[in-house]
Amino acid sequence: MTRIRRGYIARRRRTKIRLFASTFRGAHSRLTRTIIQQKIRALVSAHRDRDRQKRNFRRLWITRINAVIRERGVSYSYSRLIHDLHKRRVLLNRKILAQIAILNKNCLYTISNEIIK
């Protein structure tokens, strides 16, 4: 029986998968079935952690703002600051407020004092 030469489509698909997993360690970068499983797992983790990263940064910003605000006076807190900002329609998001809190505390104090008045 003569030898049948197979096509290159499957080999091309496997090489594409191997390029994705080239930085994985051990069998995760060598065996096709394991590579496919690890690829699925990696993509699921990346998708989940993008949302988690946004949550973590928001928590960090809130913590920084609250810490700086409470240094000035115990009676004034983060929640009252945000409430007063919305009441006065001042459009500063938490990221910008956190950067102001770190780089220039006095500026944040003046913002909060102007809002209270």
PDB file of N, CA and C in Angstrom:
ATOM      1  N   MET A   1       0.839  -1.181   0.000  1.00  0.00           N
ATOM      2  CA  MET A   1       0.000   0.000   0.000  1.00  0.00           C
ATOM      3  C   MET A   1       0.886   1.247   0.000  1.00  0.00           C
ATOM      4  N   THR A   2       0.511   2.175  -0.818  1.00  0.00           N
ATOM      5  CA  THR A   2       1.332   3.371  -0.941  1.00  0.00           C
ATOM      6  C   THR A   2       1.102   4.308   0.243  1.00  0.00           C
ATOM      7  N   ARG A   3       2.101   5.106   0.484  1.00  0.00           N
ATOM      8  CA  ARG A   3       2.034   6.050   1.611  1.00  0.00           C
ATOM      9  C   ARG A   3       1.222   7.270   1.213  1.00  0.00           C
ATOM     10  N   ILE A   4       0.326   7.694   2.110  1.00  0.00           N
ATOM     11  CA  ILE A   4      -0.483   8.878   1.841  1.00  0.00           C
ATOM     12  C   ILE A   4       0.112  10.045   2.621  1.00  0.00           C
ATOM     13  N   ARG A   5       0.402  11.109   1.905  1.00  0.00           N
ATOM     14  CA  ARG A   5       0.941  12.303   2.557  1.00  0.00           C
ATOM     15  C   ARG A   5      -0.221  13.139   3.081  1.00  0.00           C
ATOM     16  N   ARG A   6      -0.172  13.424   4.381  1.00  0.00           N
ATOM     17  CA  ARG A   6      -1.258  14.189   4.990  1.00  0.00           C
ATOM     18  C   ARG A   6      -1.073  15.677   4.709  1.00  0.00           C
ATOM     19  N   GLY A   7      -2.150  16.438   4.886  1.00  0.00           N
ATOM     20  CA  GLY A   7      -2.088  17.878   4.691  1.00  0.00           C
ATOM     21  C   GLY A   7      -1.357  18.563   5.837  1.00  0.00           C
ATOM     22  N   TYR A   8      -1.254  19.840   5.735  1.00  0.00           N
ATOM     23  CA  TYR A   8      -0.473  20.608   6.711  1.00  0.00           C
ATOM     24  C   TYR A   8      -1.369  21.418   7.636  1.00  0.00           C
ATOM     25  N   ILE A   9      -2.681  21.288   7.503  1.00  0.00           N
ATOM     26  CA  ILE A   9      -3.600  22.142   8.257  1.00  0.00           C
ATOM     27  C   ILE A   9      -3.518  21.851   9.756  1.00  0.00           C
ATOM     28  N   ALA A  10      -3.528  20.573  10.127  1.00  0.00           N
ATOM     29  CA  ALA A  10      -3.459  20.213  11.549  1.00  0.00           C
ATOM     30  C   ALA A  10      -2.124  20.641  12.152  1.00  0.00           C
ATOM     31  N   ARG A  11      -1.047  20.453  11.390  1.00  0.00           N
ATOM     32  CA  ARG A  11       0.277  20.843  11.888  1.00  0.00           C
ATOM     33  C   ARG A  11       0.351  22.360  12.079  1.00  0.00           C
ATOM     34  N   ARG A  12      -0.252  23.092  11.146  1.00  0.00           N
ATOM     35  CA  ARG A  12      -0.263  24.546  11.247  1.00  0.00           C
ATOM     36  C   ARG A  12      -1.058  24.998  12.474  1.00  0.00           C
ATOM     37  N   ARG A  13      -2.179  24.329  12.751  1.00  0.00           N
ATOM     38  CA  ARG A  13      -2.980  24.657  13.935  1.00  0.00           C
ATOM     39  C   ARG A  13      -2.193  24.390  15.223  1.00  0.00           C
ATOM     40  N   ARG A  14      -1.487  23.259  15.243  1.00  0.00           N
ATOM     41  CA  ARG A  14      -0.722  22.920  16.449  1.00  0.00           C
ATOM     42  C   ARG A  14       0.441  23.883  16.672  1.00  0.00           C
ATOM     43  N   THR A  15       1.096  24.297  15.595  1.00  0.00           N
ATOM     44  CA  THR A  15       2.206  25.246  15.772  1.00  0.00           C
ATOM     45  C   THR A  15       1.689  26.577  16.273  1.00  0.00           C
ATOM     46  N   LYS A  16       0.502  26.985  15.822  1.00  0.00           N
ATOM     47  CA  LYS A  16      -0.076  28.232  16.300  1.00  0.00           C
ATOM     48  C   LYS A  16      -0.357  28.146  17.807  1.00  0.00           C
ATOM     49  N   ILE A  17      -0.858  26.992  18.228  1.00  0.00           N
ATOM     50  CA  ILE A  17      -1.139  26.789  19.658  1.00  0.00           C
ATOM     51  C   ILE A  17       0.173  26.769  20.441  1.00  0.00           C
ATOM     52  N   ARG A  18       1.198  26.126  19.877  1.00  0.00           N
ATOM     53  CA  ARG A  18       2.494  26.061  20.570  1.00  0.00           C
ATOM     54  C   ARG A  18       3.129  27.435  20.716  1.00  0.00           C
ATOM     55  N   LEU A  19       2.914  28.320  19.756  1.00  0.00           N
ATOM     56  CA  LEU A  19       3.456  29.673  19.864  1.00  0.00           C
ATOM     57  C   LEU A  19       2.817  30.413  21.040  1.00  0.00           C
ATOM     58  N   PHE A  20       1.537  30.170  21.278  1.00  0.00           N
ATOM     59  CA  PHE A  20       0.854  30.791  22.413  1.00  0.00           C
ATOM     60  C   PHE A  20       1.459  30.312  23.726  1.00  0.00           C
ATOM     61  N   ALA A  21       1.801  29.005  23.775  1.00  0.00           N
ATOM     62  CA  ALA A  21       2.255  28.393  25.022  1.00  0.00           C
ATOM     63  C   ALA A  21       3.765  28.303  25.116  1.00  0.00           C
ATOM     64  N   SER A  22       4.482  29.078  24.315  1.00  0.00           N
ATOM     65  CA  SER A  22       5.935  28.929  24.287  1.00  0.00           C
ATOM     66  C   SER A  22       6.597  29.340  25.599  1.00  0.00           C
ATOM     67  N   THR A  23       5.926  30.169  26.391  1.00  0.00           N
ATOM     68  CA  THR A  23       6.528  30.602  27.657  1.00  0.00           C
ATOM     69  C   THR A  23       6.118  29.732  28.829  1.00  0.00           C
ATOM     70  N   PHE A  24       5.239  28.769  28.600  1.00  0.00           N
ATOM     71  CA  PHE A  24       4.825  27.874  29.688  1.00  0.00           C
ATOM     72  C   PHE A  24       5.957  26.897  30.001  1.00  0.00           C
ATOM     73  N   ARG A  25       5.881  26.258  31.166  1.00  0.00           N
ATOM     74  CA  ARG A  25       6.956  25.372  31.592  1.00  0.00           C
ATOM     75  C   ARG A  25       6.556  23.913  31.458  1.00  0.00           C
ATOM     76  N   GLY A  26       7.536  23.069  31.145  1.00  0.00           N
ATOM     77  CA  GLY A  26       7.344  21.629  31.130  1.00  0.00           C
ATOM     78  C   GLY A  26       6.410  21.163  30.024  1.00  0.00           C
ATOM     79  N   ALA A  27       5.553  20.184  30.366  1.00  0.00           N
ATOM     80  CA  ALA A  27       4.638  19.609  29.384  1.00  0.00           C
ATOM     81  C   ALA A  27       3.618  20.619  28.893  1.00  0.00           C
ATOM     82  N   HIS A  28       3.406  21.668  29.658  1.00  0.00           N
ATOM     83  CA  HIS A  28       2.432  22.695  29.267  1.00  0.00           C
ATOM     84  C   HIS A  28       2.863  23.436  28.006  1.00  0.00           C
ATOM     85  N   SER A  29       4.131  23.314  27.642  1.00  0.00           N
ATOM     86  CA  SER A  29       4.588  23.961  26.412  1.00  0.00           C
ATOM     87  C   SER A  29       4.952  22.945  25.331  1.00  0.00           C
ATOM     88  N   ARG A  30       4.810  21.648  25.616  1.00  0.00           N
ATOM     89  CA  ARG A  30       5.245  20.627  24.659  1.00  0.00           C
ATOM     90  C   ARG A  30       4.129  19.732  24.133  1.00  0.00           C
ATOM     91  N   LEU A  31       3.214  19.330  25.018  1.00  0.00           N
ATOM     92  CA  LEU A  31       2.184  18.376  24.625  1.00  0.00           C
ATOM     93  C   LEU A  31       0.921  19.108  24.185  1.00  0.00           C
ATOM     94  N   THR A  32       0.416  18.730  23.033  1.00  0.00           N
ATOM     95  CA  THR A  32      -0.675  19.478  22.415  1.00  0.00           C
ATOM     96  C   THR A  32      -1.926  19.525  23.290  1.00  0.00           C
ATOM     97  N   ARG A  33      -2.321  18.403  23.814  1.00  0.00           N
ATOM     98  CA  ARG A  33      -3.557  18.365  24.617  1.00  0.00           C
ATOM     99  C   ARG A  33      -3.413  19.216  25.885  1.00  0.00           C
ATOM    100  N   THR A  34      -2.254  19.114  26.518  1.00  0.00           N
ATOM    101  CA  THR A  34      -1.998  19.902  27.726  1.00  0.00           C
ATOM    102  C   THR A  34      -1.917  21.390  27.397  1.00  0.00           C
ATOM    103  N   ILE A  35      -1.335  21.706  26.237  1.00  0.00           N
ATOM    104  CA  ILE A  35      -1.244  23.112  25.816  1.00  0.00           C
ATOM    105  C   ILE A  35      -2.640  23.697  25.656  1.00  0.00           C
ATOM    106  N   ILE A  36      -3.540  22.944  25.027  1.00  0.00           N
ATOM    107  CA  ILE A  36      -4.904  23.438  24.812  1.00  0.00           C
ATOM    108  C   ILE A  36      -5.589  23.696  26.143  1.00  0.00           C
ATOM    109  N   GLN A  37      -5.422  22.774  27.095  1.00  0.00           N
ATOM    110  CA  GLN A  37      -6.035  22.958  28.421  1.00  0.00           C
ATOM    111  C   GLN A  37      -5.474  24.193  29.117  1.00  0.00           C
ATOM    112  N   GLN A  38      -4.155  24.358  29.044  1.00  0.00           N
ATOM    113  CA  GLN A  38      -3.529  25.501  29.699  1.00  0.00           C
ATOM    114  C   GLN A  38      -3.906  26.818  29.035  1.00  0.00           C
ATOM    115  N   LYS A  39      -4.092  26.780  27.723  1.00  0.00           N
ATOM    116  CA  LYS A  39      -4.495  27.983  27.006  1.00  0.00           C
ATOM    117  C   LYS A  39      -5.881  28.426  27.465  1.00  0.00           C
ATOM    118  N   ILE A  40      -6.799  27.485  27.573  1.00  0.00           N
ATOM    119  CA  ILE A  40      -8.145  27.808  28.052  1.00  0.00           C
ATOM    120  C   ILE A  40      -8.076  28.389  29.448  1.00  0.00           C
ATOM    121  N   ARG A  41      -7.285  27.742  30.299  1.00  0.00           N
ATOM    122  CA  ARG A  41      -7.156  28.202  31.679  1.00  0.00           C
ATOM    123  C   ARG A  41      -6.554  29.604  31.760  1.00  0.00           C
ATOM    124  N   ALA A  42      -5.534  29.859  30.929  1.00  0.00           N
ATOM    125  CA  ALA A  42      -4.875  31.163  30.935  1.00  0.00           C
ATOM    126  C   ALA A  42      -5.824  32.259  30.468  1.00  0.00           C
ATOM    127  N   LEU A  43      -6.599  31.981  29.426  1.00  0.00           N
ATOM    128  CA  LEU A  43      -7.518  32.989  28.911  1.00  0.00           C
ATOM    129  C   LEU A  43      -8.654  33.272  29.891  1.00  0.00           C
ATOM    130  N   VAL A  44      -9.124  32.235  30.580  1.00  0.00           N
ATOM    131  CA  VAL A  44     -10.166  32.427  31.600  1.00  0.00           C
ATOM    132  C   VAL A  44      -9.633  33.287  32.736  1.00  0.00           C
ATOM    133  N   SER A  45      -8.411  33.001  33.173  1.00  0.00           N
ATOM    134  CA  SER A  45      -7.806  33.781  34.257  1.00  0.00           C
ATOM    135  C   SER A  45      -7.612  35.227  33.847  1.00  0.00           C
ATOM    136  N   ALA A  46      -7.163  35.447  32.621  1.00  0.00           N
ATOM    137  CA  ALA A  46      -6.932  36.809  32.152  1.00  0.00           C
ATOM    138  C   ALA A  46      -8.240  37.589  32.104  1.00  0.00           C
ATOM    139  N   HIS A  47      -9.291  36.945  31.636  1.00  0.00           N
ATOM    140  CA  HIS A  47     -10.593  37.612  31.545  1.00  0.00           C
ATOM    141  C   HIS A  47     -11.125  37.954  32.929  1.00  0.00           C
ATOM    142  N   ARG A  48     -11.011  37.015  33.862  1.00  0.00           N
ATOM    143  CA  ARG A  48     -11.498  37.235  35.223  1.00  0.00           C
ATOM    144  C   ARG A  48     -10.690  38.327  35.933  1.00  0.00           C
ATOM    145  N   ASP A  49      -9.375  38.311  35.744  1.00  0.00           N
ATOM    146  CA  ASP A  49      -8.521  39.223  36.496  1.00  0.00           C
ATOM    147  C   ASP A  49      -8.531  40.646  35.962  1.00  0.00           C
ATOM    148  N   ARG A  50      -8.995  40.836  34.730  1.00  0.00           N
ATOM    149  CA  ARG A  50      -9.149  42.211  34.242  1.00  0.00           C
ATOM    150  C   ARG A  50     -10.190  42.940  35.076  1.00  0.00           C
ATOM    151  N   ASP A  51     -11.316  42.273  35.350  1.00  0.00           N
ATOM    152  CA  ASP A  51     -12.348  42.886  36.196  1.00  0.00           C
ATOM    153  C   ASP A  51     -11.861  43.034  37.636  1.00  0.00           C
ATOM    154  N   ARG A  52     -11.155  42.034  38.109  1.00  0.00           N
ATOM    155  CA  ARG A  52     -10.650  42.068  39.481  1.00  0.00           C
ATOM    156  C   ARG A  52      -9.645  43.201  39.678  1.00  0.00           C
ATOM    157  N   GLN A  53      -8.844  43.463  38.649  1.00  0.00           N
ATOM    158  CA  GLN A  53      -7.852  44.537  38.728  1.00  0.00           C
ATOM    159  C   GLN A  53      -8.533  45.896  38.872  1.00  0.00           C
ATOM    160  N   LYS A  54      -9.626  46.092  38.130  1.00  0.00           N
ATOM    161  CA  LYS A  54     -10.375  47.348  38.239  1.00  0.00           C
ATOM    162  C   LYS A  54     -10.912  47.525  39.652  1.00  0.00           C
ATOM    163  N   ARG A  55     -11.449  46.430  40.224  1.00  0.00           N
ATOM    164  CA  ARG A  55     -11.963  46.477  41.595  1.00  0.00           C
ATOM    165  C   ARG A  55     -10.870  46.828  42.587  1.00  0.00           C
ATOM    166  N   ASN A  56      -9.704  46.190  42.423  1.00  0.00           N
ATOM    167  CA  ASN A  56      -8.608  46.407  43.361  1.00  0.00           C
ATOM    168  C   ASN A  56      -8.098  47.841  43.309  1.00  0.00           C
ATOM    169  N   PHE A  57      -7.997  48.407  42.108  1.00  0.00           N
ATOM    170  CA  PHE A  57      -7.536  49.788  41.990  1.00  0.00           C
ATOM    171  C   PHE A  57      -8.537  50.744  42.625  1.00  0.00           C
ATOM    172  N   ARG A  58      -9.830  50.493  42.418  1.00  0.00           N
ATOM    173  CA  ARG A  58     -10.837  51.360  43.029  1.00  0.00           C
ATOM    174  C   ARG A  58     -10.735  51.308  44.548  1.00  0.00           C
ATOM    175  N   ARG A  59     -10.539  50.107  45.102  1.00  0.00           N
ATOM    176  CA  ARG A  59     -10.369  49.975  46.559  1.00  0.00           C
ATOM    177  C   ARG A  59      -9.149  50.742  47.052  1.00  0.00           C
ATOM    178  N   LEU A  60      -8.057  50.664  46.294  1.00  0.00           N
ATOM    179  CA  LEU A  60      -6.829  51.363  46.663  1.00  0.00           C
ATOM    180  C   LEU A  60      -7.036  52.873  46.671  1.00  0.00           C
ATOM    181  N   TRP A  61      -7.707  53.392  45.626  1.00  0.00           N
ATOM    182  CA  TRP A  61      -7.962  54.827  45.552  1.00  0.00           C
ATOM    183  C   TRP A  61      -8.819  55.289  46.715  1.00  0.00           C
ATOM    184  N   ILE A  62      -9.856  54.517  47.034  1.00  0.00           N
ATOM    185  CA  ILE A  62     -10.757  54.882  48.133  1.00  0.00           C
ATOM    186  C   ILE A  62      -9.992  54.905  49.450  1.00  0.00           C
ATOM    187  N   THR A  63      -9.129  53.918  49.663  1.00  0.00           N
ATOM    188  CA  THR A  63      -8.344  53.847  50.894  1.00  0.00           C
ATOM    189  C   THR A  63      -7.413  55.051  51.022  1.00  0.00           C
ATOM    190  N   ARG A  64      -6.768  55.423  49.928  1.00  0.00           N
ATOM    191  CA  ARG A  64      -5.846  56.568  49.962  1.00  0.00           C
ATOM    192  C   ARG A  64      -6.576  57.871  50.257  1.00  0.00           C
ATOM    193  N   ILE A  65      -7.708  58.073  49.594  1.00  0.00           N
ATOM    194  CA  ILE A  65      -8.474  59.306  49.821  1.00  0.00           C
ATOM    195  C   ILE A  65      -8.948  59.366  51.264  1.00  0.00           C
ATOM    196  N   ASN A  66      -9.473  58.257  51.759  1.00  0.00           N
ATOM    197  CA  ASN A  66     -10.001  58.214  53.118  1.00  0.00           C
ATOM    198  C   ASN A  66      -8.908  58.495  54.146  1.00  0.00           C
ATOM    199  N   ALA A  67      -7.711  57.933  53.913  1.00  0.00           N
ATOM    200  CA  ALA A  67      -6.609  58.138  54.858  1.00  0.00           C
ATOM    201  C   ALA A  67      -6.217  59.608  54.939  1.00  0.00           C
ATOM    202  N   VAL A  68      -6.124  60.267  53.802  1.00  0.00           N
ATOM    203  CA  VAL A  68      -5.712  61.677  53.789  1.00  0.00           C
ATOM    204  C   VAL A  68      -6.811  62.559  54.382  1.00  0.00           C
ATOM    205  N   ILE A  69      -8.055  62.260  54.062  1.00  0.00           N
ATOM    206  CA  ILE A  69      -9.168  63.069  54.570  1.00  0.00           C
ATOM    207  C   ILE A  69      -9.275  62.955  56.093  1.00  0.00           C
ATOM    208  N   ARG A  70      -9.098  61.755  56.620  1.00  0.00           N
ATOM    209  CA  ARG A  70      -9.228  61.556  58.065  1.00  0.00           C
ATOM    210  C   ARG A  70      -8.061  62.150  58.852  1.00  0.00           C
ATOM    211  N   GLU A  71      -6.927  62.407  58.187  1.00  0.00           N
ATOM    212  CA  GLU A  71      -5.800  63.054  58.877  1.00  0.00           C
ATOM    213  C   GLU A  71      -6.204  64.441  59.372  1.00  0.00           C
ATOM    214  N   ARG A  72      -7.004  65.111  58.569  1.00  0.00           N
ATOM    215  CA  ARG A  72      -7.381  66.495  58.891  1.00  0.00           C
ATOM    216  C   ARG A  72      -8.332  66.556  60.092  1.00  0.00           C
ATOM    217  N   GLY A  73      -9.384  65.757  60.030  1.00  0.00           N
ATOM    218  CA  GLY A  73     -10.341  65.768  61.132  1.00  0.00           C
ATOM    219  C   GLY A  73     -11.081  64.451  61.196  1.00  0.00           C
ATOM    220  N   VAL A  74     -11.358  63.991  62.393  1.00  0.00           N
ATOM    221  CA  VAL A  74     -11.992  62.687  62.559  1.00  0.00           C
ATOM    222  C   VAL A  74     -13.436  62.719  62.084  1.00  0.00           C
ATOM    223  N   SER A  75     -14.087  63.873  62.185  1.00  0.00           N
ATOM    224  CA  SER A  75     -15.506  63.933  61.848  1.00  0.00           C
ATOM    225  C   SER A  75     -15.748  63.848  60.337  1.00  0.00           C
ATOM    226  N   TYR A  76     -14.753  64.219  59.539  1.00  0.00           N
ATOM    227  CA  TYR A  76     -14.933  64.203  58.091  1.00  0.00           C
ATOM    228  C   TYR A  76     -14.391  62.906  57.519  1.00  0.00           C
ATOM    229  N   SER A  77     -15.152  62.240  56.643  1.00  0.00           N
ATOM    230  CA  SER A  77     -14.739  60.942  56.118  1.00  0.00           C
ATOM    231  C   SER A  77     -14.872  60.911  54.600  1.00  0.00           C
ATOM    232  N   TYR A  78     -14.459  59.814  54.037  1.00  0.00           N
ATOM    233  CA  TYR A  78     -14.495  59.625  52.586  1.00  0.00           C
ATOM    234  C   TYR A  78     -15.925  59.701  52.059  1.00  0.00           C
ATOM    235  N   SER A  79     -16.839  59.041  52.737  1.00  0.00           N
ATOM    236  CA  SER A  79     -18.211  58.987  52.231  1.00  0.00           C
ATOM    237  C   SER A  79     -18.847  60.378  52.204  1.00  0.00           C
ATOM    238  N   ARG A  80     -18.562  61.186  53.234  1.00  0.00           N
ATOM    239  CA  ARG A  80     -19.102  62.554  53.245  1.00  0.00           C
ATOM    240  C   ARG A  80     -18.460  63.408  52.162  1.00  0.00           C
ATOM    241  N   LEU A  81     -17.164  63.187  51.906  1.00  0.00           N
ATOM    242  CA  LEU A  81     -16.486  63.923  50.837  1.00  0.00           C
ATOM    243  C   LEU A  81     -17.124  63.623  49.485  1.00  0.00           C
ATOM    244  N   ILE A  82     -17.329  62.349  49.180  1.00  0.00           N
ATOM    245  CA  ILE A  82     -17.918  61.948  47.905  1.00  0.00           C
ATOM    246  C   ILE A  82     -19.356  62.468  47.801  1.00  0.00           C
ATOM    247  N   HIS A  83     -20.088  62.413  48.897  1.00  0.00           N
ATOM    248  CA  HIS A  83     -21.460  62.926  48.906  1.00  0.00           C
ATOM    249  C   HIS A  83     -21.487  64.421  48.604  1.00  0.00           C
ATOM    250  N   ASP A  84     -20.584  65.167  49.258  1.00  0.00           N
ATOM    251  CA  ASP A  84     -20.520  66.613  49.026  1.00  0.00           C
ATOM    252  C   ASP A  84     -20.063  66.942  47.601  1.00  0.00           C
ATOM    253  N   LEU A  85     -19.159  66.126  47.055  1.00  0.00           N
ATOM    254  CA  LEU A  85     -18.722  66.333  45.673  1.00  0.00           C
ATOM    255  C   LEU A  85     -19.897  66.192  44.708  1.00  0.00           C
ATOM    256  N   HIS A  86     -20.695  65.154  44.915  1.00  0.00           N
ATOM    257  CA  HIS A  86     -21.840  64.935  44.033  1.00  0.00           C
ATOM    258  C   HIS A  86     -22.895  66.010  44.221  1.00  0.00           C
ATOM    259  N   LYS A  87     -23.054  66.455  45.457  1.00  0.00           N
ATOM    260  CA  LYS A  87     -24.045  67.491  45.736  1.00  0.00           C
ATOM    261  C   LYS A  87     -23.664  68.796  45.045  1.00  0.00           C
ATOM    262  N   ARG A  88     -22.357  69.117  45.024  1.00  0.00           N
ATOM    263  CA  ARG A  88     -21.867  70.335  44.385  1.00  0.00           C
ATOM    264  C   ARG A  88     -21.622  70.159  42.883  1.00  0.00           C
ATOM    265  N   ARG A  89     -21.805  68.925  42.386  1.00  0.00           N
ATOM    266  CA  ARG A  89     -21.583  68.577  40.976  1.00  0.00           C
ATOM    267  C   ARG A  89     -20.135  68.832  40.535  1.00  0.00           C
ATOM    268  N   VAL A  90     -19.199  68.469  41.384  1.00  0.00           N
ATOM    269  CA  VAL A  90     -17.773  68.559  41.039  1.00  0.00           C
ATOM    270  C   VAL A  90     -17.376  67.233  40.390  1.00  0.00           C
ATOM    271  N   LEU A  91     -16.882  67.301  39.169  1.00  0.00           N
ATOM    272  CA  LEU A  91     -16.590  66.087  38.410  1.00  0.00           C
ATOM    273  C   LEU A  91     -15.127  65.677  38.585  1.00  0.00           C
ATOM    274  N   LEU A  92     -14.835  65.081  39.718  1.00  0.00           N
ATOM    275  CA  LEU A  92     -13.511  64.512  39.970  1.00  0.00           C
ATOM    276  C   LEU A  92     -13.713  63.046  40.325  1.00  0.00           C
ATOM    277  N   ASN A  93     -13.079  62.164  39.552  1.00  0.00           N
ATOM    278  CA  ASN A  93     -13.241  60.753  39.880  1.00  0.00           C
ATOM    279  C   ASN A  93     -12.245  60.329  40.961  1.00  0.00           C
ATOM    280  N   ARG A  94     -12.387  59.107  41.424  1.00  0.00           N
ATOM    281  CA  ARG A  94     -11.587  58.632  42.553  1.00  0.00           C
ATOM    282  C   ARG A  94     -10.112  58.514  42.209  1.00  0.00           C
ATOM    283  N   LYS A  95      -9.813  58.190  40.956  1.00  0.00           N
ATOM    284  CA  LYS A  95      -8.415  58.074  40.544  1.00  0.00           C
ATOM    285  C   LYS A  95      -7.703  59.427  40.669  1.00  0.00           C
ATOM    286  N   ILE A  96      -8.331  60.472  40.172  1.00  0.00           N
ATOM    287  CA  ILE A  96      -7.732  61.806  40.230  1.00  0.00           C
ATOM    288  C   ILE A  96      -7.632  62.276  41.680  1.00  0.00           C
ATOM    289  N   LEU A  97      -8.683  62.030  42.456  1.00  0.00           N
ATOM    290  CA  LEU A  97      -8.649  62.424  43.869  1.00  0.00           C
ATOM    291  C   LEU A  97      -7.523  61.715  44.618  1.00  0.00           C
ATOM    292  N   ALA A  98      -7.297  60.437  44.302  1.00  0.00           N
ATOM    293  CA  ALA A  98      -6.222  59.690  44.963  1.00  0.00           C
ATOM    294  C   ALA A  98      -4.854  60.252  44.579  1.00  0.00           C
ATOM    295  N   GLN A  99      -4.694  60.624  43.313  1.00  0.00           N
ATOM    296  CA  GLN A  99      -3.415  61.219  42.896  1.00  0.00           C
ATOM    297  C   GLN A  99      -3.190  62.561  43.579  1.00  0.00           C
ATOM    298  N   ILE A 100      -4.254  63.351  43.699  1.00  0.00           N
ATOM    299  CA  ILE A 100      -4.135  64.629  44.414  1.00  0.00           C
ATOM    300  C   ILE A 100      -3.789  64.373  45.874  1.00  0.00           C
ATOM    301  N   ALA A 101      -4.423  63.354  46.472  1.00  0.00           N
ATOM    302  CA  ALA A 101      -4.170  63.036  47.879  1.00  0.00           C
ATOM    303  C   ALA A 101      -2.715  62.653  48.118  1.00  0.00           C
ATOM    304  N   ILE A 102      -2.119  61.936  47.184  1.00  0.00           N
ATOM    305  CA  ILE A 102      -0.730  61.511  47.363  1.00  0.00           C
ATOM    306  C   ILE A 102       0.238  62.657  47.083  1.00  0.00           C
ATOM    307  N   LEU A 103       0.033  63.335  45.960  1.00  0.00           N
ATOM    308  CA  LEU A 103       1.014  64.327  45.520  1.00  0.00           C
ATOM    309  C   LEU A 103       0.887  65.665  46.235  1.00  0.00           C
ATOM    310  N   ASN A 104      -0.357  66.070  46.548  1.00  0.00           N
ATOM    311  CA  ASN A 104      -0.553  67.392  47.129  1.00  0.00           C
ATOM    312  C   ASN A 104      -1.728  67.351  48.106  1.00  0.00           C
ATOM    313  N   LYS A 105      -1.433  67.065  49.364  1.00  0.00           N
ATOM    314  CA  LYS A 105      -2.492  66.941  50.374  1.00  0.00           C
ATOM    315  C   LYS A 105      -3.225  68.261  50.581  1.00  0.00           C
ATOM    316  N   ASN A 106      -2.472  69.349  50.546  1.00  0.00           N
ATOM    317  CA  ASN A 106      -3.095  70.657  50.784  1.00  0.00           C
ATOM    318  C   ASN A 106      -4.162  70.972  49.738  1.00  0.00           C
ATOM    319  N   CYS A 107      -3.933  70.547  48.524  1.00  0.00           N
ATOM    320  CA  CYS A 107      -4.909  70.771  47.460  1.00  0.00           C
ATOM    321  C   CYS A 107      -6.203  70.018  47.766  1.00  0.00           C
ATOM    322  N   LEU A 108      -6.078  68.795  48.243  1.00  0.00           N
ATOM    323  CA  LEU A 108      -7.278  68.025  48.603  1.00  0.00           C
ATOM    324  C   LEU A 108      -7.997  68.670  49.784  1.00  0.00           C
ATOM    325  N   TYR A 109      -7.234  69.208  50.736  1.00  0.00           N
ATOM    326  CA  TYR A 109      -7.853  69.887  51.874  1.00  0.00           C
ATOM    327  C   TYR A 109      -8.628  71.117  51.408  1.00  0.00           C
ATOM    328  N   THR A 110      -8.036  71.881  50.479  1.00  0.00           N
ATOM    329  CA  THR A 110      -8.738  73.072  50.000  1.00  0.00           C
ATOM    330  C   THR A 110      -9.988  72.683  49.218  1.00  0.00           C
ATOM    331  N   ILE A 111      -9.923  71.602  48.451  1.00  0.00           N
ATOM    332  CA  ILE A 111     -11.127  71.126  47.727  1.00  0.00           C
ATOM    333  C   ILE A 111     -12.216  70.765  48.715  1.00  0.00           C
ATOM    334  N   SER A 112     -11.841  70.019  49.751  1.00  0.00           N
ATOM    335  CA  SER A 112     -12.853  69.597  50.730  1.00  0.00           C
ATOM    336  C   SER A 112     -13.406  70.802  51.498  1.00  0.00           C
ATOM    337  N   ASN A 113     -12.564  71.794  51.820  1.00  0.00           N
ATOM    338  CA  ASN A 113     -13.042  72.979  52.519  1.00  0.00           C
ATOM    339  C   ASN A 113     -13.999  73.800  51.663  1.00  0.00           C
ATOM    340  N   GLU A 114     -13.695  73.898  50.371  1.00  0.00           N
ATOM    341  CA  GLU A 114     -14.583  74.653  49.475  1.00  0.00           C
ATOM    342  C   GLU A 114     -15.931  73.959  49.316  1.00  0.00           C
ATOM    343  N   ILE A 115     -15.917  72.632  49.331  1.00  0.00           N
ATOM    344  CA  ILE A 115     -17.156  71.888  49.169  1.00  0.00           C
ATOM    345  C   ILE A 115     -18.040  72.017  50.408  1.00  0.00           C
ATOM    346  N   ILE A 116     -17.409  72.035  51.589  1.00  0.00           N
ATOM    347  CA  ILE A 116     -18.166  72.124  52.841  1.00  0.00           C
ATOM    348  C   ILE A 116     -18.927  73.442  52.904  1.00  0.00           C
ATOM    349  N   LYS A 117     -18.322  74.522  52.431  1.00  0.00           N
ATOM    350  CA  LYS A 117     -18.924  75.851  52.556  1.00  0.00           C
ATOM    351  C   LYS A 117     -20.224  75.962  51.780  1.00  0.00           C
TER     352      LYS A 117
END
